[in-house]
Amino acid sequence: MLSTENNARLTKVSLGTPMGMLMRRYWTPAAFSSEVAERDGPPIRVRLFGEDLVLFRDTSGRLGLIADQCPHRLASMFFGRNEDNGLRCVYHGLKFDVTGACTDLPCVPPVVPQVMESMQKSLRTTAYLCVERAGLVWTYMGPGEAPAFPDLEWTLLPENYRYVSRHIQECNWLQALEGGFDAPHLTFLHAGDNPDPTRGIVPSFYEVAACDFGFIVATGRDFGKETISWNLNVMLMPFHKIISTTPHAAHMWVPIDDANTMLYSIDFQPHRPLNETEIVRAESGDWIHSENLPNSDIGVRNKRNDYLIDRALQASGKSFTGLKGFGIQDCAIQESMGTLVDRSREHLLPGDAAIIKLRQLLLQALRDHEEGKPIPGSDPQSYRVRSIRCELPRDSNMAQLITTLVKADIAPTT
């Protein structure tokens, strides 16, 4: 179990909270670039860490992510006119550029330049720096100078080497993250959906290690051989997971607010384009990606229709859950816990060792941040890692090997 106080420290993400302030020190995906492809095109709404924002591309092609409410009378900038290198509020005509500066104040009668300049400075709005990587707009919402963008392998690849989707999970980000590192659930929740024989054996060995990029969760399964089958998955701060599958896969559980999460899911091949079979699987909804309602980030299978659970399929034994797709199975269970779990009510079991350690490492990262110590992922090259599966002799010292095994030779592909 986790104390109510520590549960709040890990889950609350609004401005001023410990986890919210830590997460703002990292680059965060805000939208698909395609949503704001047009210069002077319509702005879109973005909600991150409990903040309501609007994203637009200006006349010069620069990206602006600014507060949704105009600082004058708090009208929504979503309705603004995107013109002449700024977003103009339609209520009284104030215009703001991508830096948040008020560049025009037409509703004020002409006054001396110094007075006008003072008024414009007082009307500066919140604005966050944006960059584009891998077809996504990323933003830095923290203090001071933005860090270098990390060497996330899938963001360094050509477009046809990866497949990216997203959908909203109606639960706190930590529920989703913990589900991603809960190894025993693979044997049950996803049973019947994958022929991988390792899913039939509950892990017997666990090793979790803090690293300069985040942490590694290693789970070992014993098949009675001379070796142990190990699965090593990396967590890259603050909310990334690389999955040891073929093709490689990744998740990002990005907090919309305390009760909602935008889950980005990625399939990628480091050395070649995805083939037709891999793309068909990604688009099918059978794997980690969600089939969404038209023009929406809400899954076709969602909690309002009980995820279209097929009880006959469940009873047949071909599916343990009767739910289609790994991603929806995870989403359904994580949302079923409620929007924000009270972890003080849990009764943890030996198989939850990785979850316990994960929480301890996240709490330590919060303490380090509050004490001004370096945070994981400060070096962009530390993200040059890849989750793997391997067979190791029974007497192998995983505690010593774990950080070496995930290191990968990752560089941009041309």
Protein backbone atom coordinates (compact mmCIF):
# COMPACT_ATOMS: atom_id res chain seq x y z
CA MET A 1 0.00 0.00 0.00
CA LEU A 2 0.99 3.61 -0.43
CA SER A 3 0.18 6.36 2.04
CA THR A 4 -2.44 8.90 1.05
CA GLU A 5 0.20 11.63 1.16
CA ASN A 6 2.65 9.80 -1.10
CA ASN A 7 -0.14 8.75 -3.43
CA ALA A 8 -1.00 12.41 -3.93
CA ARG A 9 2.69 13.29 -4.48
CA LEU A 10 2.92 10.76 -7.29
CA THR A 11 -0.41 11.35 -8.99
CA LYS A 12 -1.27 15.06 -8.79
CA VAL A 13 0.15 16.93 -11.78
CA SER A 14 -1.22 20.48 -11.72
CA LEU A 15 1.04 23.52 -11.48
CA GLY A 16 2.75 23.66 -8.09
CA THR A 17 2.44 19.96 -7.24
CA PRO A 18 5.63 17.92 -6.79
CA MET A 19 5.01 15.58 -9.74
CA GLY A 20 3.59 18.36 -11.88
CA MET A 21 6.69 20.46 -11.39
CA LEU A 22 9.02 17.52 -12.04
CA MET A 23 7.25 16.52 -15.26
CA ARG A 24 7.42 20.08 -16.56
CA ARG A 25 11.22 19.73 -16.65
CA TYR A 26 10.91 17.36 -19.63
CA TRP A 27 9.76 17.70 -23.23
CA THR A 28 6.10 16.68 -23.49
CA PRO A 29 4.07 15.76 -26.60
CA ALA A 30 1.24 18.22 -27.11
CA ALA A 31 -0.31 17.29 -30.49
CA PHE A 32 0.29 15.78 -33.90
CA SER A 33 2.03 18.19 -36.26
CA SER A 34 -0.68 17.43 -38.80
CA GLU A 35 -3.25 19.10 -36.53
CA VAL A 36 -1.55 22.47 -37.04
CA ALA A 37 0.04 21.92 -40.42
CA GLU A 38 -1.37 25.10 -41.97
CA ARG A 39 0.24 28.49 -41.45
CA ASP A 40 -2.38 30.91 -40.13
CA GLY A 41 -4.66 27.89 -39.81
CA PRO A 42 -7.20 27.25 -37.05
CA PRO A 43 -5.78 26.92 -33.52
CA ILE A 44 -6.50 23.72 -31.60
CA ARG A 45 -7.20 23.09 -27.93
CA VAL A 46 -4.53 21.35 -25.84
CA ARG A 47 -4.79 20.36 -22.19
CA LEU A 48 -1.60 19.32 -20.36
CA PHE A 49 -0.98 18.94 -16.63
CA GLY A 50 -4.35 20.53 -15.91
CA GLU A 51 -3.61 23.64 -18.01
CA ASP A 52 -5.95 24.68 -20.83
CA LEU A 53 -3.92 25.90 -23.81
CA VAL A 54 -4.24 26.59 -27.52
CA LEU A 55 -1.72 25.62 -30.18
CA PHE A 56 -1.28 27.43 -33.51
CA ARG A 57 1.18 27.82 -36.37
CA ASP A 58 1.79 31.44 -37.30
CA THR A 59 2.40 33.15 -40.63
CA SER A 60 6.15 32.40 -40.45
CA GLY A 61 5.58 28.74 -39.58
CA ARG A 62 6.46 29.11 -35.89
CA LEU A 63 4.47 27.14 -33.33
CA GLY A 64 2.79 28.88 -30.44
CA LEU A 65 1.34 27.20 -27.36
CA ILE A 66 -0.34 29.82 -25.19
CA ALA A 67 -2.88 30.00 -22.38
CA ASP A 68 -6.44 29.45 -23.57
CA GLN A 69 -7.79 32.48 -21.69
CA CYS A 70 -6.97 35.96 -22.94
CA PRO A 71 -5.42 37.89 -20.01
CA HIS A 72 -7.75 40.85 -20.69
CA ARG A 73 -11.26 39.48 -20.00
CA LEU A 74 -10.43 35.74 -19.97
CA ALA A 75 -12.22 34.88 -23.22
CA SER A 76 -11.07 31.69 -24.98
CA MET A 77 -8.28 32.14 -27.51
CA PHE A 78 -9.50 28.99 -29.30
CA PHE A 79 -11.91 31.30 -31.16
CA GLY A 80 -9.05 33.61 -32.09
CA ARG A 81 -8.03 34.81 -35.55
CA ASN A 82 -4.65 33.40 -36.58
CA GLU A 83 -3.17 36.21 -38.68
CA ASP A 84 -0.02 38.25 -39.29
CA ASN A 85 2.23 36.27 -36.96
CA GLY A 86 -0.11 36.24 -34.00
CA LEU A 87 -3.36 34.95 -32.54
CA ARG A 88 -5.95 37.70 -32.13
CA CYS A 89 -8.70 37.46 -29.50
CA VAL A 90 -12.07 38.02 -31.18
CA TYR A 91 -13.56 39.65 -28.05
CA HIS A 92 -11.56 42.90 -28.07
CA GLY A 93 -8.89 42.34 -30.73
CA LEU A 94 -5.78 41.85 -28.55
CA LYS A 95 -3.11 39.90 -30.43
CA PHE A 96 -0.39 37.64 -29.01
CA ASP A 97 2.65 36.14 -30.70
CA VAL A 98 4.19 32.71 -30.09
CA THR A 99 6.24 34.06 -27.17
CA GLY A 100 3.10 35.27 -25.37
CA ALA A 101 3.82 38.95 -25.98
CA CYS A 102 0.86 41.25 -26.65
CA THR A 103 1.71 42.77 -30.04
CA ASP A 104 -1.48 44.74 -30.69
CA LEU A 105 -4.00 46.48 -28.42
CA PRO A 106 -6.57 47.96 -30.83
CA CYS A 107 -9.33 48.37 -28.24
CA VAL A 108 -7.30 51.07 -26.41
CA PRO A 109 -7.40 54.64 -27.75
CA PRO A 110 -4.02 56.04 -28.83
CA VAL A 111 -1.86 56.97 -25.87
CA VAL A 112 1.77 57.91 -25.40
CA PRO A 113 4.08 55.07 -26.52
CA GLN A 114 5.43 54.46 -23.02
CA VAL A 115 1.95 53.92 -21.58
CA MET A 116 0.97 51.62 -24.45
CA GLU A 117 4.16 49.62 -24.00
CA SER A 118 3.48 49.26 -20.27
CA MET A 119 -0.06 48.03 -20.90
CA GLN A 120 1.15 45.51 -23.45
CA LYS A 121 3.76 44.16 -21.05
CA SER A 122 1.14 43.71 -18.34
CA LEU A 123 -0.99 41.72 -20.77
CA ARG A 124 1.68 39.12 -21.62
CA THR A 125 0.13 35.65 -21.62
CA THR A 126 1.57 32.27 -20.67
CA ALA A 127 3.47 30.71 -23.58
CA TYR A 128 5.52 27.55 -23.87
CA LEU A 129 8.36 26.69 -26.24
CA CYS A 130 7.57 24.10 -28.94
CA VAL A 131 9.60 21.90 -31.28
CA GLU A 132 8.62 19.24 -33.81
CA ARG A 133 9.96 15.70 -33.74
CA ALA A 134 8.65 12.52 -35.37
CA GLY A 135 5.40 14.09 -36.52
CA LEU A 136 4.57 15.44 -33.06
CA VAL A 137 4.64 18.89 -31.50
CA TRP A 138 6.54 18.77 -28.20
CA THR A 139 6.57 21.48 -25.57
CA TYR A 140 8.74 22.45 -22.63
CA MET A 141 6.64 23.82 -19.76
CA GLY A 142 9.30 24.07 -17.08
CA PRO A 143 11.41 26.89 -15.69
CA GLY A 144 14.54 28.31 -17.24
CA GLU A 145 16.18 27.21 -20.46
CA ALA A 146 14.74 24.11 -22.10
CA PRO A 147 16.96 21.02 -22.05
CA ALA A 148 18.23 19.41 -25.23
CA PHE A 149 15.70 17.08 -26.80
CA PRO A 150 16.40 13.48 -25.70
CA ASP A 151 17.67 10.79 -28.04
CA LEU A 152 14.42 8.79 -28.06
CA GLU A 153 15.12 6.15 -30.67
CA TRP A 154 11.74 6.18 -32.44
CA THR A 155 11.87 9.98 -32.83
CA LEU A 156 15.16 9.71 -34.74
CA LEU A 157 13.77 7.40 -37.43
CA PRO A 158 12.25 8.16 -40.84
CA GLU A 159 8.47 8.43 -40.91
CA ASN A 160 7.87 5.01 -42.52
CA TYR A 161 9.91 3.29 -39.80
CA ARG A 162 7.24 4.06 -37.18
CA TYR A 163 3.48 4.05 -36.56
CA VAL A 164 2.05 6.40 -33.94
CA SER A 165 -1.46 6.56 -32.52
CA ARG A 166 -3.07 8.03 -29.44
CA HIS A 167 -6.25 7.81 -27.39
CA ILE A 168 -7.55 9.20 -24.11
CA GLN A 169 -7.58 7.06 -20.99
CA GLU A 170 -10.03 8.26 -18.38
CA CYS A 171 -7.76 7.67 -15.43
CA ASN A 172 -4.68 9.07 -13.74
CA TRP A 173 -1.36 8.67 -15.53
CA LEU A 174 0.19 6.50 -12.78
CA GLN A 175 -2.48 3.80 -13.11
CA ALA A 176 -1.59 3.50 -16.77
CA LEU A 177 2.17 3.57 -16.19
CA GLU A 178 1.99 0.93 -13.47
CA GLY A 179 -0.08 -1.27 -15.77
CA GLY A 180 2.70 -1.04 -18.30
CA PHE A 181 5.23 -2.47 -15.83
CA ASP A 182 2.96 -5.06 -14.19
CA ALA A 183 4.44 -8.31 -15.52
CA PRO A 184 2.07 -10.89 -13.92
CA HIS A 185 -0.97 -9.42 -15.67
CA LEU A 186 0.37 -10.59 -19.04
CA THR A 187 -0.39 -14.17 -18.02
CA PHE A 188 -4.02 -13.35 -17.35
CA LEU A 189 -5.38 -10.12 -18.86
CA HIS A 190 -3.87 -10.83 -22.28
CA ALA A 191 -4.27 -14.61 -22.20
CA GLY A 192 -5.59 -16.12 -25.40
CA ASP A 193 -4.52 -13.16 -27.52
CA ASN A 194 -0.88 -14.02 -28.13
CA PRO A 195 0.86 -17.36 -28.80
CA ASP A 196 3.99 -16.27 -26.90
CA PRO A 197 4.62 -19.20 -24.49
CA THR A 198 6.27 -16.97 -21.90
CA ARG A 199 2.84 -15.51 -21.11
CA GLY A 200 1.79 -18.82 -19.56
CA ILE A 201 4.33 -18.62 -16.75
CA VAL A 202 4.08 -16.04 -13.97
CA PRO A 203 7.48 -14.36 -13.41
CA SER A 204 9.56 -15.79 -10.57
CA PHE A 205 12.38 -13.25 -10.57
CA TYR A 206 12.26 -9.46 -10.37
CA GLU A 207 14.96 -6.85 -10.58
CA VAL A 208 14.34 -3.10 -10.71
CA ALA A 209 17.21 -0.66 -11.10
CA ALA A 210 17.36 3.12 -11.06
CA CYS A 211 19.33 4.50 -14.01
CA ASP A 212 20.44 7.84 -15.39
CA PHE A 213 17.42 7.84 -17.75
CA GLY A 214 14.79 6.48 -15.34
CA PHE A 215 14.67 2.83 -14.42
CA ILE A 216 14.65 -0.74 -15.75
CA VAL A 217 12.19 -3.46 -14.76
CA ALA A 218 13.54 -6.99 -15.37
CA THR A 219 11.28 -10.01 -14.92
CA GLY A 220 12.49 -13.57 -15.21
CA ARG A 221 10.46 -16.69 -16.01
CA ASP A 222 11.65 -20.19 -15.13
CA PHE A 223 10.87 -22.89 -17.71
CA GLY A 224 12.96 -25.54 -15.99
CA LYS A 225 15.91 -25.09 -18.34
CA GLU A 226 19.52 -24.16 -17.61
CA THR A 227 18.62 -20.56 -18.34
CA ILE A 228 16.11 -18.00 -17.13
CA SER A 229 14.01 -16.13 -19.71
CA TRP A 230 14.39 -12.43 -18.93
CA ASN A 231 12.29 -9.54 -20.18
CA LEU A 232 13.88 -6.11 -19.61
CA ASN A 233 11.69 -3.04 -20.13
CA VAL A 234 12.97 0.50 -19.73
CA MET A 235 11.10 3.47 -18.29
CA LEU A 236 12.39 6.77 -19.62
CA MET A 237 11.47 9.70 -17.43
CA PRO A 238 8.97 11.01 -17.03
CA PHE A 239 6.30 8.77 -18.66
CA HIS A 240 7.85 6.73 -21.48
CA LYS A 241 8.12 2.97 -21.81
CA ILE A 242 9.97 1.04 -24.49
CA ILE A 243 8.50 -2.44 -24.99
CA SER A 244 10.57 -5.51 -25.86
CA THR A 245 8.50 -6.77 -28.78
CA THR A 246 8.89 -7.24 -32.53
CA PRO A 247 8.46 -4.68 -33.94
CA HIS A 248 9.70 -2.59 -31.06
CA ALA A 249 7.01 -0.58 -29.34
CA ALA A 250 6.66 2.32 -26.95
CA HIS A 251 4.09 4.11 -24.82
CA MET A 252 3.89 7.64 -23.47
CA TRP A 253 1.33 8.22 -20.72
CA VAL A 254 0.98 12.00 -20.89
CA PRO A 255 -1.10 13.60 -18.11
CA ILE A 256 -3.97 15.69 -19.40
CA ASP A 257 -4.91 16.36 -15.79
CA ASP A 258 -5.26 14.32 -12.59
CA ALA A 259 -8.11 12.23 -14.00
CA ASN A 260 -7.24 11.83 -17.70
CA THR A 261 -4.23 10.65 -19.68
CA MET A 262 -3.31 10.87 -23.36
CA LEU A 263 -1.74 7.56 -24.30
CA TYR A 264 0.58 7.73 -27.29
CA SER A 265 1.46 4.28 -28.68
CA ILE A 266 4.27 3.64 -31.13
CA ASP A 267 5.45 0.68 -33.21
CA PHE A 268 8.89 1.07 -34.80
CA GLN A 269 11.68 -0.77 -36.52
CA PRO A 270 15.16 0.67 -35.90
CA HIS A 271 16.71 -0.45 -39.20
CA ARG A 272 13.96 -0.66 -41.82
CA PRO A 273 10.48 0.57 -42.73
CA LEU A 274 7.52 -1.16 -41.14
CA ASN A 275 6.19 -3.83 -43.48
CA GLU A 276 2.58 -4.27 -44.56
CA THR A 277 1.88 -6.99 -41.99
CA GLU A 278 3.12 -4.77 -39.17
CA ILE A 279 1.05 -1.81 -40.34
CA VAL A 280 -2.09 -3.94 -40.71
CA ARG A 281 -1.65 -5.24 -37.18
CA ALA A 282 -1.20 -1.71 -35.83
CA GLU A 283 -4.35 -0.51 -37.59
CA SER A 284 -6.44 -3.54 -36.59
CA GLY A 285 -6.96 -2.63 -32.95
CA ASP A 286 -5.71 -6.09 -31.94
CA TRP A 287 -2.40 -4.81 -30.63
CA ILE A 288 -1.50 -1.77 -28.49
CA HIS A 289 -3.25 0.77 -30.70
CA SER A 290 -6.86 1.84 -30.23
CA GLU A 291 -9.55 2.16 -32.88
CA ASN A 292 -10.99 5.64 -32.28
CA LEU A 293 -14.33 7.20 -33.01
CA PRO A 294 -14.20 9.44 -36.13
CA ASN A 295 -12.29 12.69 -35.60
CA SER A 296 -11.80 11.80 -31.95
CA ASP A 297 -9.24 10.60 -29.40
CA ILE A 298 -11.92 8.46 -27.73
CA GLY A 299 -11.76 4.74 -28.43
CA VAL A 300 -14.60 2.98 -30.24
CA ARG A 301 -14.43 0.63 -27.27
CA ASN A 302 -14.80 2.78 -24.17
CA LYS A 303 -16.24 2.69 -20.67
CA ARG A 304 -19.62 4.01 -21.78
CA ASN A 305 -20.22 0.87 -23.86
CA ASP A 306 -18.27 -1.48 -21.54
CA TYR A 307 -15.53 -1.64 -24.18
CA LEU A 308 -17.89 -3.81 -26.31
CA ILE A 309 -17.01 -6.83 -24.19
CA ASP A 310 -17.90 -10.11 -25.91
CA ARG A 311 -19.04 -12.49 -23.17
CA ALA A 312 -19.43 -15.37 -25.62
CA LEU A 313 -15.81 -14.95 -26.72
CA GLN A 314 -14.75 -14.80 -23.07
CA ALA A 315 -16.66 -18.02 -22.31
CA SER A 316 -15.15 -19.77 -25.32
CA GLY A 317 -11.66 -19.66 -23.80
CA LYS A 318 -10.20 -17.98 -26.88
CA SER A 319 -9.96 -14.73 -24.92
CA PHE A 320 -9.54 -14.43 -21.16
CA THR A 321 -11.40 -11.11 -21.13
CA GLY A 322 -13.66 -10.98 -24.15
CA LEU A 323 -12.10 -7.57 -24.89
CA LYS A 324 -10.45 -6.88 -28.23
CA GLY A 325 -6.84 -5.79 -28.28
CA PHE A 326 -4.05 -5.43 -25.74
CA GLY A 327 -4.49 -1.67 -25.56
CA ILE A 328 -8.21 -1.83 -24.80
CA GLN A 329 -7.72 -4.63 -22.27
CA ASP A 330 -5.23 -2.47 -20.41
CA CYS A 331 -7.38 0.64 -20.74
CA ALA A 332 -10.53 -1.09 -19.47
CA ILE A 333 -8.86 -2.44 -16.35
CA GLN A 334 -6.96 0.75 -15.55
CA GLU A 335 -10.09 2.86 -15.96
CA SER A 336 -12.12 0.37 -13.90
CA MET A 337 -10.06 1.33 -10.85
CA GLY A 338 -11.58 4.82 -10.94
CA THR A 339 -10.10 8.04 -12.22
CA LEU A 340 -7.57 8.23 -9.39
CA VAL A 341 -6.82 5.17 -7.25
CA ASP A 342 -6.55 5.38 -3.46
CA ARG A 343 -3.49 3.16 -3.10
CA SER A 344 -3.76 3.13 0.69
CA ARG A 345 -6.55 0.54 0.22
CA GLU A 346 -4.45 -1.94 -1.79
CA HIS A 347 -3.31 -5.37 -0.62
CA LEU A 348 -0.10 -5.98 -2.55
CA LEU A 349 1.26 -9.46 -3.29
CA PRO A 350 4.79 -10.81 -3.96
CA GLY A 351 4.29 -10.37 -7.71
CA ASP A 352 3.89 -6.63 -7.16
CA ALA A 353 7.57 -6.25 -6.23
CA ALA A 354 8.30 -4.26 -9.38
CA ILE A 355 5.38 -1.91 -8.75
CA ILE A 356 6.54 -1.26 -5.18
CA LYS A 357 10.08 -0.50 -6.35
CA LEU A 358 8.79 1.68 -9.19
CA ARG A 359 6.89 3.86 -6.72
CA GLN A 360 9.93 4.13 -4.48
CA LEU A 361 12.08 5.28 -7.39
CA LEU A 362 9.52 7.88 -8.46
CA LEU A 363 9.29 9.21 -4.90
CA GLN A 364 13.09 9.43 -4.80
CA ALA A 365 13.08 11.38 -8.08
CA LEU A 366 10.63 13.84 -6.50
CA ARG A 367 12.86 14.27 -3.45
CA ASP A 368 15.94 14.79 -5.64
CA HIS A 369 14.12 17.41 -7.70
CA GLU A 370 12.93 19.27 -4.61
CA GLU A 371 16.48 19.25 -3.22
CA GLY A 372 17.92 20.63 -6.44
CA LYS A 373 19.76 17.44 -7.38
CA PRO A 374 20.12 16.29 -11.01
CA ILE A 375 17.02 14.54 -12.31
CA PRO A 376 17.03 11.37 -14.45
CA GLY A 377 17.30 12.07 -18.17
CA SER A 378 19.32 15.28 -17.81
CA ASP A 379 21.74 13.90 -20.40
CA PRO A 380 19.86 13.45 -23.71
CA GLN A 381 22.21 10.63 -24.71
CA SER A 382 21.17 8.61 -21.64
CA TYR A 383 17.97 7.70 -23.53
CA ARG A 384 19.97 5.58 -25.98
CA VAL A 385 18.55 2.35 -24.61
CA ARG A 386 16.31 -0.42 -25.90
CA SER A 387 14.15 -2.96 -24.06
CA ILE A 388 15.17 -6.55 -24.75
CA ARG A 389 14.40 -10.20 -24.11
CA CYS A 390 17.22 -12.61 -23.41
CA GLU A 391 18.16 -16.01 -22.00
CA LEU A 392 20.76 -15.96 -19.24
CA PRO A 393 22.36 -18.69 -17.15
CA ARG A 394 20.67 -19.28 -13.81
CA ASP A 395 23.68 -18.03 -11.87
CA SER A 396 23.84 -14.70 -13.76
CA ASN A 397 23.98 -11.62 -11.55
CA MET A 398 21.17 -9.60 -13.08
CA ALA A 399 21.73 -6.73 -10.63
CA GLN A 400 25.16 -6.19 -12.21
CA LEU A 401 24.13 -6.85 -15.81
CA ILE A 402 20.83 -5.00 -16.01
CA THR A 403 22.05 -1.54 -17.01
CA THR A 404 24.52 -2.89 -19.59
CA LEU A 405 22.03 -5.13 -21.35
CA VAL A 406 19.69 -2.31 -22.41
CA LYS A 407 22.35 -0.01 -23.87
CA ALA A 408 21.91 0.42 -27.61
CA ASP A 409 23.81 2.01 -30.47
CA ILE A 410 21.16 4.57 -31.36
CA ALA A 411 21.74 7.33 -33.87
CA PRO A 412 19.65 9.14 -36.49
CA THR A 413 18.89 6.99 -39.56
CA THR A 414 19.43 8.69 -42.91
